[in-house]
């Protein structure tokens, strides 16, 4: 943090002036990588804040002779950049992810919300991790959530349940979607997540038990026994998952889905002859 002290100070001041409340700013695992947490709010404002925060970071970096990248993968062989999406369903002002008898305090409705996300995870991540660089980031063992599972504070689970604590209170409980990055349109991403979660509540789904290990260390048979699968690894697999999901398609509408598919297919066609390193270079400064 000392290496970017002046930049960090200006960034926090600018975000405050722009009305974006920040929980913390700190160094992360990757080289030159930093993380900040935007305070929770309603979905539309959250999407607005995400975009405003990105522009504020770019401007502050430029002022200090720096360059910021939100590309899902910046350099080969290192951890990528996520833009993790945290959501908490509530009813009459009460967080449904705490105060219940389920794992880590899940209520039946909170568990159903989680199960809805898990059911539609391949289609959700087609929206929340939508670029070729996103697919490069979604690797086992890199905290990106490459497998269809959930866990309690499990950083290798695609859906990480963060329970409430006595210090922060019941409203703190949330579900973190790890296969989500800044290549995504935050408005579309939130639409997909909310649609899937509410459908889970409507269908009264129940999730399987939490996974508290890294599924990448299991055999194929162990993962199959637990109903755990690798998230789509190609554009074609992602688009197929999106096409085959009636809930996400209904939420976004056919016109938007068709436009989204056209852009993704065009990206894939342009990169057909590029090696992984060339794809990383092509996306490095795009976001």
C-alpha atoms as a PDB file:
ATOM      1  CA  UNK A   1       0.000   0.000   0.000  1.00  0.00           C
ATOM      2  CA  UNK A   2       2.913   2.376   0.642  1.00  0.00           C
ATOM      3  CA  UNK A   3       3.824   2.217  -3.047  1.00  0.00           C
ATOM      4  CA  UNK A   4       0.463   3.737  -3.992  1.00  0.00           C
ATOM      5  CA  UNK A   5      -0.144   5.866  -0.915  1.00  0.00           C
ATOM      6  CA  UNK A   6      -0.878   9.130  -2.729  1.00  0.00           C
ATOM      7  CA  UNK A   7      -3.126   7.395  -5.259  1.00  0.00           C
ATOM      8  CA  UNK A   8      -5.042   5.567  -2.514  1.00  0.00           C
ATOM      9  CA  UNK A   9      -5.561   8.760  -0.522  1.00  0.00           C
ATOM     10  CA  UNK A  10      -6.940  10.620  -3.530  1.00  0.00           C
ATOM     11  CA  UNK A  11      -9.095   7.660  -4.545  1.00  0.00           C
ATOM     12  CA  UNK A  12     -10.767   7.451  -1.148  1.00  0.00           C
ATOM     13  CA  UNK A  13     -11.360  11.212  -1.141  1.00  0.00           C
ATOM     14  CA  UNK A  14     -12.800  11.129  -4.684  1.00  0.00           C
ATOM     15  CA  UNK A  15     -15.081   8.186  -3.928  1.00  0.00           C
ATOM     16  CA  UNK A  16     -16.356  10.019  -0.862  1.00  0.00           C
ATOM     17  CA  UNK A  17     -17.061  13.135  -2.921  1.00  0.00           C
ATOM     18  CA  UNK A  18     -18.815  11.004  -5.537  1.00  0.00           C
ATOM     19  CA  UNK A  19     -21.091   9.520  -2.887  1.00  0.00           C
ATOM     20  CA  UNK A  20     -19.759   5.958  -3.047  1.00  0.00           C
ATOM     21  CA  UNK A  21     -19.346   4.507   0.465  1.00  0.00           C
ATOM     22  CA  UNK A  22     -16.330   2.192   0.776  1.00  0.00           C
ATOM     23  CA  UNK A  23     -15.754  -0.395   3.490  1.00  0.00           C
ATOM     24  CA  UNK A  24     -12.038  -0.900   3.014  1.00  0.00           C
ATOM     25  CA  UNK A  25      -9.176  -0.674   0.519  1.00  0.00           C
ATOM     26  CA  UNK A  26      -6.285  -3.114   0.861  1.00  0.00           C
ATOM     27  CA  UNK A  27      -3.600  -5.007  -0.997  1.00  0.00           C
ATOM     28  CA  UNK A  28      -4.619  -8.334  -2.518  1.00  0.00           C
ATOM     29  CA  UNK A  29      -2.840 -11.545  -3.485  1.00  0.00           C
ATOM     30  CA  UNK A  30      -1.743 -10.784  -7.057  1.00  0.00           C
ATOM     31  CA  UNK A  31       1.156  -8.508  -8.043  1.00  0.00           C
ATOM     32  CA  UNK A  32       0.030  -4.888  -8.085  1.00  0.00           C
ATOM     33  CA  UNK A  33      -3.475  -6.018  -7.118  1.00  0.00           C
ATOM     34  CA  UNK A  34      -5.761  -4.160  -4.732  1.00  0.00           C
ATOM     35  CA  UNK A  35      -9.283  -4.744  -3.501  1.00  0.00           C
ATOM     36  CA  UNK A  36     -11.982  -2.428  -2.286  1.00  0.00           C
ATOM     37  CA  UNK A  37     -15.437  -3.138  -0.930  1.00  0.00           C
ATOM     38  CA  UNK A  38     -18.418  -1.026  -1.918  1.00  0.00           C
ATOM     39  CA  UNK A  39     -21.031  -0.770   0.819  1.00  0.00           C
ATOM     40  CA  UNK A  40     -24.281  -2.694   0.169  1.00  0.00           C
ATOM     41  CA  UNK A  41     -27.356  -0.943  -1.132  1.00  0.00           C
ATOM     42  CA  UNK A  42     -30.325  -1.645  -3.399  1.00  0.00           C
ATOM     43  CA  UNK A  43     -29.536  -3.442  -6.700  1.00  0.00           C
ATOM     44  CA  UNK A  44     -29.890  -0.485  -9.079  1.00  0.00           C
ATOM     45  CA  UNK A  45     -27.789   1.823  -6.913  1.00  0.00           C
ATOM     46  CA  UNK A  46     -25.227  -0.969  -6.469  1.00  0.00           C
ATOM     47  CA  UNK A  47     -24.812  -1.266 -10.240  1.00  0.00           C
ATOM     48  CA  UNK A  48     -24.512   2.529 -10.534  1.00  0.00           C
ATOM     49  CA  UNK A  49     -21.869   2.548  -7.797  1.00  0.00           C
ATOM     50  CA  UNK A  50     -19.903  -0.221  -9.496  1.00  0.00           C
ATOM     51  CA  UNK A  51     -19.558   1.764 -12.705  1.00  0.00           C
ATOM     52  CA  UNK A  52     -18.889   5.053 -10.912  1.00  0.00           C
ATOM     53  CA  UNK A  53     -16.206   3.382  -8.806  1.00  0.00           C
ATOM     54  CA  UNK A  54     -14.445   2.024 -11.881  1.00  0.00           C
ATOM     55  CA  UNK A  55     -14.394   5.435 -13.554  1.00  0.00           C
ATOM     56  CA  UNK A  56     -13.177   7.083 -10.354  1.00  0.00           C
ATOM     57  CA  UNK A  57     -10.336   4.562 -10.057  1.00  0.00           C
ATOM     58  CA  UNK A  58      -9.300   5.107 -13.672  1.00  0.00           C
ATOM     59  CA  UNK A  59      -9.285   8.886 -13.198  1.00  0.00           C
ATOM     60  CA  UNK A  60      -7.315   8.812  -9.937  1.00  0.00           C
ATOM     61  CA  UNK A  61      -4.798   6.356 -11.405  1.00  0.00           C
ATOM     62  CA  UNK A  62      -4.290   8.543 -14.468  1.00  0.00           C
ATOM     63  CA  UNK A  63      -3.695  11.582 -12.265  1.00  0.00           C
ATOM     64  CA  UNK A  64      -0.829   9.754 -10.544  1.00  0.00           C
ATOM     65  CA  UNK A  65       0.745   8.343 -13.689  1.00  0.00           C
ATOM     66  CA  UNK A  66      -0.695   4.876 -13.087  1.00  0.00           C
ATOM     67  CA  UNK A  67      -2.917   2.645 -15.167  1.00  0.00           C
ATOM     68  CA  UNK A  68      -5.648   0.451 -13.705  1.00  0.00           C
ATOM     69  CA  UNK A  69      -6.900  -2.756 -15.278  1.00  0.00           C
ATOM     70  CA  UNK A  70     -10.098  -4.579 -14.398  1.00  0.00           C
ATOM     71  CA  UNK A  71      -9.434  -7.344 -16.928  1.00  0.00           C
ATOM     72  CA  UNK A  72     -10.356 -10.768 -15.514  1.00  0.00           C
ATOM     73  CA  UNK A  73      -6.813 -11.975 -16.174  1.00  0.00           C
ATOM     74  CA  UNK A  74      -3.941  -9.508 -16.541  1.00  0.00           C
ATOM     75  CA  UNK A  75      -0.885 -11.753 -16.656  1.00  0.00           C
ATOM     76  CA  UNK A  76      -0.515 -15.482 -17.392  1.00  0.00           C
ATOM     77  CA  UNK A  77      -0.081 -17.758 -14.410  1.00  0.00           C
ATOM     78  CA  UNK A  78      -1.327 -15.323 -11.763  1.00  0.00           C
ATOM     79  CA  UNK A  79      -4.623 -14.898  -9.973  1.00  0.00           C
ATOM     80  CA  UNK A  80      -7.181 -12.873 -11.867  1.00  0.00           C
ATOM     81  CA  UNK A  81      -9.375  -9.897 -11.074  1.00  0.00           C
ATOM     82  CA  UNK A  82     -12.854 -10.669  -9.853  1.00  0.00           C
ATOM     83  CA  UNK A  83     -15.663  -8.254  -9.164  1.00  0.00           C
ATOM     84  CA  UNK A  84     -17.433 -10.448  -6.671  1.00  0.00           C
ATOM     85  CA  UNK A  85     -21.141  -9.935  -6.327  1.00  0.00           C
ATOM     86  CA  UNK A  86     -22.618 -10.148  -2.812  1.00  0.00           C
ATOM     87  CA  UNK A  87     -26.383 -10.431  -2.366  1.00  0.00           C
ATOM     88  CA  UNK A  88     -28.713 -10.779   0.605  1.00  0.00           C
ATOM     89  CA  UNK A  89     -32.428 -11.512   0.129  1.00  0.00           C
ATOM     90  CA  UNK A  90     -34.730 -10.043   2.749  1.00  0.00           C
ATOM     91  CA  UNK A  91     -38.414 -10.125   3.640  1.00  0.00           C
ATOM     92  CA  UNK A  92     -40.027  -7.265   5.560  1.00  0.00           C
ATOM     93  CA  UNK A  93     -36.562  -5.971   6.372  1.00  0.00           C
ATOM     94  CA  UNK A  94     -35.287  -9.282   7.766  1.00  0.00           C
ATOM     95  CA  UNK A  95     -32.245 -10.940   6.177  1.00  0.00           C
ATOM     96  CA  UNK A  96     -33.255 -14.446   5.068  1.00  0.00           C
ATOM     97  CA  UNK A  97     -29.681 -15.744   5.311  1.00  0.00           C
ATOM     98  CA  UNK A  98     -29.530 -15.605   9.106  1.00  0.00           C
ATOM     99  CA  UNK A  99     -31.644 -16.503  12.111  1.00  0.00           C
ATOM    100  CA  UNK A 100     -32.837 -19.845  10.751  1.00  0.00           C
ATOM    101  CA  UNK A 101     -32.189 -23.458  11.649  1.00  0.00           C
ATOM    102  CA  UNK A 102     -30.280 -24.308   8.463  1.00  0.00           C
ATOM    103  CA  UNK A 103     -26.511 -24.386   7.970  1.00  0.00           C
ATOM    104  CA  UNK A 104     -24.887 -21.190   9.274  1.00  0.00           C
ATOM    105  CA  UNK A 105     -28.341 -19.840  10.165  1.00  0.00           C
ATOM    106  CA  UNK A 106     -30.059 -20.152   6.792  1.00  0.00           C
ATOM    107  CA  UNK A 107     -33.836 -19.792   6.868  1.00  0.00           C
ATOM    108  CA  UNK A 108     -35.905 -22.007   4.521  1.00  0.00           C
ATOM    109  CA  UNK A 109     -36.401 -19.061   2.158  1.00  0.00           C
ATOM    110  CA  UNK A 110     -32.738 -18.122   2.347  1.00  0.00           C
ATOM    111  CA  UNK A 111     -31.780 -21.708   1.558  1.00  0.00           C
ATOM    112  CA  UNK A 112     -34.204 -21.692  -1.387  1.00  0.00           C
ATOM    113  CA  UNK A 113     -32.614 -18.471  -2.693  1.00  0.00           C
ATOM    114  CA  UNK A 114     -29.201 -20.115  -2.491  1.00  0.00           C
ATOM    115  CA  UNK A 115     -30.515 -23.236  -4.214  1.00  0.00           C
ATOM    116  CA  UNK A 116     -31.925 -21.118  -7.029  1.00  0.00           C
ATOM    117  CA  UNK A 117     -28.512 -19.563  -7.627  1.00  0.00           C
ATOM    118  CA  UNK A 118     -26.897 -22.995  -7.583  1.00  0.00           C
ATOM    119  CA  UNK A 119     -29.444 -24.430 -10.020  1.00  0.00           C
ATOM    120  CA  UNK A 120     -28.880 -21.661 -12.565  1.00  0.00           C
ATOM    121  CA  UNK A 121     -25.165 -21.100 -11.962  1.00  0.00           C
ATOM    122  CA  UNK A 122     -23.954 -22.045 -15.500  1.00  0.00           C
ATOM    123  CA  UNK A 123     -26.397 -19.586 -17.086  1.00  0.00           C
ATOM    124  CA  UNK A 124     -25.699 -16.913 -14.468  1.00  0.00           C
ATOM    125  CA  UNK A 125     -21.967 -17.051 -15.101  1.00  0.00           C
ATOM    126  CA  UNK A 126     -22.563 -16.690 -18.828  1.00  0.00           C
ATOM    127  CA  UNK A 127     -23.664 -13.167 -17.828  1.00  0.00           C
ATOM    128  CA  UNK A 128     -21.370 -12.481 -14.853  1.00  0.00           C
ATOM    129  CA  UNK A 129     -18.159 -13.878 -16.415  1.00  0.00           C
ATOM    130  CA  UNK A 130     -18.856 -13.155 -20.079  1.00  0.00           C
ATOM    131  CA  UNK A 131     -15.523 -12.659 -21.835  1.00  0.00           C
ATOM    132  CA  UNK A 132     -12.738 -14.848 -23.149  1.00  0.00           C
ATOM    133  CA  UNK A 133     -10.580 -13.334 -20.422  1.00  0.00           C
ATOM    134  CA  UNK A 134     -13.250 -14.382 -17.901  1.00  0.00           C
ATOM    135  CA  UNK A 135     -12.999 -17.979 -19.055  1.00  0.00           C
ATOM    136  CA  UNK A 136      -9.219 -17.847 -18.626  1.00  0.00           C
ATOM    137  CA  UNK A 137      -9.689 -16.640 -15.053  1.00  0.00           C
ATOM    138  CA  UNK A 138     -12.115 -19.420 -14.088  1.00  0.00           C
ATOM    139  CA  UNK A 139      -9.476 -21.999 -13.177  1.00  0.00           C
ATOM    140  CA  UNK A 140      -9.516 -24.444 -10.274  1.00  0.00           C
ATOM    141  CA  UNK A 141      -7.269 -23.452  -7.411  1.00  0.00           C
ATOM    142  CA  UNK A 142      -7.312 -19.695  -8.070  1.00  0.00           C
ATOM    143  CA  UNK A 143     -10.239 -18.662  -5.805  1.00  0.00           C
ATOM    144  CA  UNK A 144     -12.435 -18.001  -8.807  1.00  0.00           C
ATOM    145  CA  UNK A 145     -15.142 -20.608  -8.113  1.00  0.00           C
ATOM    146  CA  UNK A 146     -14.707 -22.936 -11.070  1.00  0.00           C
ATOM    147  CA  UNK A 147     -17.133 -25.633  -9.873  1.00  0.00           C
ATOM    148  CA  UNK A 148     -20.878 -25.666  -9.251  1.00  0.00           C
ATOM    149  CA  UNK A 149     -20.997 -25.848  -5.473  1.00  0.00           C
ATOM    150  CA  UNK A 150     -21.587 -23.731  -2.407  1.00  0.00           C
ATOM    151  CA  UNK A 151     -19.815 -23.619   0.918  1.00  0.00           C
ATOM    152  CA  UNK A 152     -19.677 -21.710   4.166  1.00  0.00           C
ATOM    153  CA  UNK A 153     -16.696 -19.345   3.962  1.00  0.00           C
ATOM    154  CA  UNK A 154     -15.191 -21.640   1.308  1.00  0.00           C
ATOM    155  CA  UNK A 155     -13.182 -19.450  -1.067  1.00  0.00           C
ATOM    156  CA  UNK A 156     -13.038 -22.172  -3.726  1.00  0.00           C
ATOM    157  CA  UNK A 157     -16.835 -22.510  -3.870  1.00  0.00           C
ATOM    158  CA  UNK A 158     -18.609 -20.597  -6.623  1.00  0.00           C
ATOM    159  CA  UNK A 159     -21.200 -19.553  -4.040  1.00  0.00           C
ATOM    160  CA  UNK A 160     -19.622 -18.601  -0.722  1.00  0.00           C
ATOM    161  CA  UNK A 161     -22.034 -18.110   2.170  1.00  0.00           C
ATOM    162  CA  UNK A 162     -20.720 -15.457   4.547  1.00  0.00           C
ATOM    163  CA  UNK A 163     -22.712 -15.863   7.777  1.00  0.00           C
ATOM    164  CA  UNK A 164     -23.741 -13.126  10.150  1.00  0.00           C
ATOM    165  CA  UNK A 165     -21.544 -12.373  13.155  1.00  0.00           C
ATOM    166  CA  UNK A 166     -22.335 -11.023  16.626  1.00  0.00           C
ATOM    167  CA  UNK A 167     -20.121  -8.021  15.872  1.00  0.00           C
ATOM    168  CA  UNK A 168     -21.756  -6.993  12.575  1.00  0.00           C
ATOM    169  CA  UNK A 169     -25.275  -8.319  13.183  1.00  0.00           C
ATOM    170  CA  UNK A 170     -27.697 -10.429  11.107  1.00  0.00           C
ATOM    171  CA  UNK A 171     -27.823  -8.003   8.165  1.00  0.00           C
ATOM    172  CA  UNK A 172     -24.200  -8.841   7.390  1.00  0.00           C
ATOM    173  CA  UNK A 173     -25.017 -12.354   6.095  1.00  0.00           C
ATOM    174  CA  UNK A 174     -24.646 -12.596   2.318  1.00  0.00           C
ATOM    175  CA  UNK A 175     -23.872 -14.928  -0.561  1.00  0.00           C
ATOM    176  CA  UNK A 176     -20.775 -14.108  -2.577  1.00  0.00           C
ATOM    177  CA  UNK A 177     -20.783 -15.063  -6.253  1.00  0.00           C
ATOM    178  CA  UNK A 178     -17.111 -15.623  -7.070  1.00  0.00           C
ATOM    179  CA  UNK A 179     -17.285 -16.320 -10.852  1.00  0.00           C
ATOM    180  CA  UNK A 180     -18.126 -12.682 -11.528  1.00  0.00           C
ATOM    181  CA  UNK A 181     -15.821 -10.018 -12.952  1.00  0.00           C
ATOM    182  CA  UNK A 182     -15.690  -6.536 -14.423  1.00  0.00           C
ATOM    183  CA  UNK A 183     -16.204  -7.781 -17.984  1.00  0.00           C
ATOM    184  CA  UNK A 184     -19.861  -8.136 -16.996  1.00  0.00           C
ATOM    185  CA  UNK A 185     -22.545  -5.498 -17.335  1.00  0.00           C
ATOM    186  CA  UNK A 186     -23.537  -5.071 -13.647  1.00  0.00           C
ATOM    187  CA  UNK A 187     -27.181  -4.398 -14.483  1.00  0.00           C
ATOM    188  CA  UNK A 188     -27.487  -7.634 -16.462  1.00  0.00           C
ATOM    189  CA  UNK A 189     -25.496  -9.519 -13.832  1.00  0.00           C
ATOM    190  CA  UNK A 190     -27.807  -8.450 -11.024  1.00  0.00           C
ATOM    191  CA  UNK A 191     -30.870  -9.209 -13.143  1.00  0.00           C
ATOM    192  CA  UNK A 192     -29.678 -12.776 -13.704  1.00  0.00           C
ATOM    193  CA  UNK A 193     -28.800 -13.335 -10.045  1.00  0.00           C
ATOM    194  CA  UNK A 194     -32.042 -11.904  -8.690  1.00  0.00           C
ATOM    195  CA  UNK A 195     -34.160 -13.846 -11.196  1.00  0.00           C
ATOM    196  CA  UNK A 196     -32.458 -17.117 -10.306  1.00  0.00           C
ATOM    197  CA  UNK A 197     -32.662 -16.558  -6.563  1.00  0.00           C
ATOM    198  CA  UNK A 198     -36.318 -15.508  -6.544  1.00  0.00           C
ATOM    199  CA  UNK A 199     -37.202 -18.492  -8.745  1.00  0.00           C
ATOM    200  CA  UNK A 200     -35.557 -20.716  -6.151  1.00  0.00           C
ATOM    201  CA  UNK A 201     -37.783 -19.223  -3.447  1.00  0.00           C
ATOM    202  CA  UNK A 202     -40.873 -19.554  -5.642  1.00  0.00           C
ATOM    203  CA  UNK A 203     -40.053 -23.210  -6.381  1.00  0.00           C
ATOM    204  CA  UNK A 204     -39.201 -23.883  -2.712  1.00  0.00           C
ATOM    205  CA  UNK A 205     -35.883 -25.436  -3.612  1.00  0.00           C
ATOM    206  CA  UNK A 206     -33.530 -26.931  -1.037  1.00  0.00           C
ATOM    207  CA  UNK A 207     -29.774 -26.879  -1.622  1.00  0.00           C
ATOM    208  CA  UNK A 208     -27.480 -29.850  -1.067  1.00  0.00           C
ATOM    209  CA  UNK A 209     -25.124 -29.747   1.878  1.00  0.00           C
ATOM    210  CA  UNK A 210     -22.251 -27.232   1.864  1.00  0.00           C
ATOM    211  CA  UNK A 211     -18.880 -28.210   0.434  1.00  0.00           C
ATOM    212  CA  UNK A 212     -16.067 -27.244   2.783  1.00  0.00           C
ATOM    213  CA  UNK A 213     -13.151 -28.482   0.669  1.00  0.00           C
ATOM    214  CA  UNK A 214     -11.619 -27.535  -2.655  1.00  0.00           C
ATOM    215  CA  UNK A 215     -13.497 -29.688  -5.199  1.00  0.00           C
ATOM    216  CA  UNK A 216     -10.520 -29.411  -7.550  1.00  0.00           C
ATOM    217  CA  UNK A 217      -8.663 -31.795  -5.246  1.00  0.00           C
ATOM    218  CA  UNK A 218     -11.364 -34.471  -5.624  1.00  0.00           C
ATOM    219  CA  UNK A 219     -11.575 -37.161  -8.258  1.00  0.00           C
ATOM    220  CA  UNK A 220     -14.105 -36.923 -11.083  1.00  0.00           C
ATOM    221  CA  UNK A 221     -16.129 -39.630  -9.360  1.00  0.00           C
ATOM    222  CA  UNK A 222     -16.187 -37.765  -6.047  1.00  0.00           C
ATOM    223  CA  UNK A 223     -17.439 -34.621  -7.760  1.00  0.00           C
ATOM    224  CA  UNK A 224     -20.046 -36.618  -9.693  1.00  0.00           C
ATOM    225  CA  UNK A 225     -21.241 -38.248  -6.467  1.00  0.00           C
ATOM    226  CA  UNK A 226     -21.861 -34.776  -5.020  1.00  0.00           C
ATOM    227  CA  UNK A 227     -23.448 -33.409  -8.200  1.00  0.00           C
ATOM    228  CA  UNK A 228     -20.569 -30.968  -8.741  1.00  0.00           C
ATOM    229  CA  UNK A 229     -19.584 -30.002 -12.273  1.00  0.00           C
ATOM    230  CA  UNK A 230     -17.064 -27.663 -13.847  1.00  0.00           C
ATOM    231  CA  UNK A 231     -18.606 -24.407 -14.975  1.00  0.00           C
ATOM    232  CA  UNK A 232     -18.611 -23.849 -18.761  1.00  0.00           C
ATOM    233  CA  UNK A 233     -15.119 -23.420 -20.150  1.00  0.00           C
ATOM    234  CA  UNK A 234     -15.971 -22.187 -23.662  1.00  0.00           C
ATOM    235  CA  UNK A 235     -18.155 -19.467 -25.142  1.00  0.00           C
ATOM    236  CA  UNK A 236     -20.276 -22.111 -26.840  1.00  0.00           C
ATOM    237  CA  UNK A 237     -20.915 -23.921 -23.556  1.00  0.00           C
ATOM    238  CA  UNK A 238     -21.850 -20.667 -21.843  1.00  0.00           C
ATOM    239  CA  UNK A 239     -24.267 -19.639 -24.579  1.00  0.00           C
ATOM    240  CA  UNK A 240     -25.839 -23.081 -24.573  1.00  0.00           C
ATOM    241  CA  UNK A 241     -26.388 -22.875 -20.818  1.00  0.00           C
ATOM    242  CA  UNK A 242     -27.964 -19.451 -21.253  1.00  0.00           C
ATOM    243  CA  UNK A 243     -30.181 -20.595 -24.132  1.00  0.00           C
ATOM    244  CA  UNK A 244     -31.379 -23.634 -22.182  1.00  0.00           C
ATOM    245  CA  UNK A 245     -32.316 -21.662 -19.057  1.00  0.00           C
ATOM    246  CA  UNK A 246     -35.915 -20.408 -19.202  1.00  0.00           C
ATOM    247  CA  UNK A 247     -35.652 -18.272 -16.050  1.00  0.00           C
ATOM    248  CA  UNK A 248     -32.671 -16.153 -17.079  1.00  0.00           C
ATOM    249  CA  UNK A 249     -33.958 -15.857 -20.637  1.00  0.00           C
ATOM    250  CA  UNK A 250     -37.338 -14.636 -19.400  1.00  0.00           C
ATOM    251  CA  UNK A 251     -35.724 -12.093 -17.089  1.00  0.00           C
ATOM    252  CA  UNK A 252     -33.505 -10.595 -19.791  1.00  0.00           C
ATOM    253  CA  UNK A 253     -35.840 -10.991 -22.776  1.00  0.00           C
ATOM    254  CA  UNK A 254     -35.177 -12.497 -26.197  1.00  0.00           C
ATOM    255  CA  UNK A 255     -33.994  -9.256 -27.840  1.00  0.00           C
ATOM    256  CA  UNK A 256     -31.304  -8.700 -25.212  1.00  0.00           C
ATOM    257  CA  UNK A 257     -30.306 -12.366 -25.210  1.00  0.00           C
ATOM    258  CA  UNK A 258     -29.929 -12.337 -29.001  1.00  0.00           C
ATOM    259  CA  UNK A 259     -27.752  -9.208 -28.887  1.00  0.00           C
ATOM    260  CA  UNK A 260     -25.661 -10.685 -26.079  1.00  0.00           C
ATOM    261  CA  UNK A 261     -25.187 -13.914 -28.032  1.00  0.00           C
ATOM    262  CA  UNK A 262     -24.129 -12.003 -31.152  1.00  0.00           C
ATOM    263  CA  UNK A 263     -21.441 -10.070 -29.260  1.00  0.00           C
ATOM    264  CA  UNK A 264     -20.083 -13.172 -27.525  1.00  0.00           C
ATOM    265  CA  UNK A 265     -19.978 -15.134 -30.780  1.00  0.00           C
ATOM    266  CA  UNK A 266     -18.171 -12.268 -32.522  1.00  0.00           C
ATOM    267  CA  UNK A 267     -15.576 -12.134 -29.723  1.00  0.00           C
ATOM    268  CA  UNK A 268     -14.965 -15.857 -29.993  1.00  0.00           C
ATOM    269  CA  UNK A 269     -14.623 -15.718 -33.774  1.00  0.00           C
ATOM    270  CA  UNK A 270     -12.078 -12.875 -33.630  1.00  0.00           C
ATOM    271  CA  UNK A 271      -9.960 -14.769 -31.114  1.00  0.00           C
ATOM    272  CA  UNK A 272     -10.140 -18.148 -32.841  1.00  0.00           C
ATOM    273  CA  UNK A 273      -6.514 -17.985 -33.992  1.00  0.00           C
ATOM    274  CA  UNK A 274      -5.065 -16.325 -30.874  1.00  0.00           C
ATOM    275  CA  UNK A 275      -3.100 -18.182 -28.237  1.00  0.00           C
ATOM    276  CA  UNK A 276      -3.958 -17.658 -24.517  1.00  0.00           C
ATOM    277  CA  UNK A 277      -1.212 -15.043 -24.003  1.00  0.00           C
ATOM    278  CA  UNK A 278      -2.463 -13.018 -26.968  1.00  0.00           C
ATOM    279  CA  UNK A 279      -5.999 -13.092 -25.585  1.00  0.00           C
ATOM    280  CA  UNK A 280      -4.725 -11.792 -22.251  1.00  0.00           C
ATOM    281  CA  UNK A 281      -2.937  -8.927 -24.035  1.00  0.00           C
ATOM    282  CA  UNK A 282      -6.047  -8.112 -26.057  1.00  0.00           C
ATOM    283  CA  UNK A 283      -8.216  -7.753 -22.940  1.00  0.00           C
ATOM    284  CA  UNK A 284      -5.640  -6.283 -20.534  1.00  0.00           C
ATOM    285  CA  UNK A 285      -6.637  -2.629 -20.968  1.00  0.00           C
ATOM    286  CA  UNK A 286     -10.149  -3.078 -22.308  1.00  0.00           C
ATOM    287  CA  UNK A 287     -11.992  -2.643 -18.991  1.00  0.00           C
END
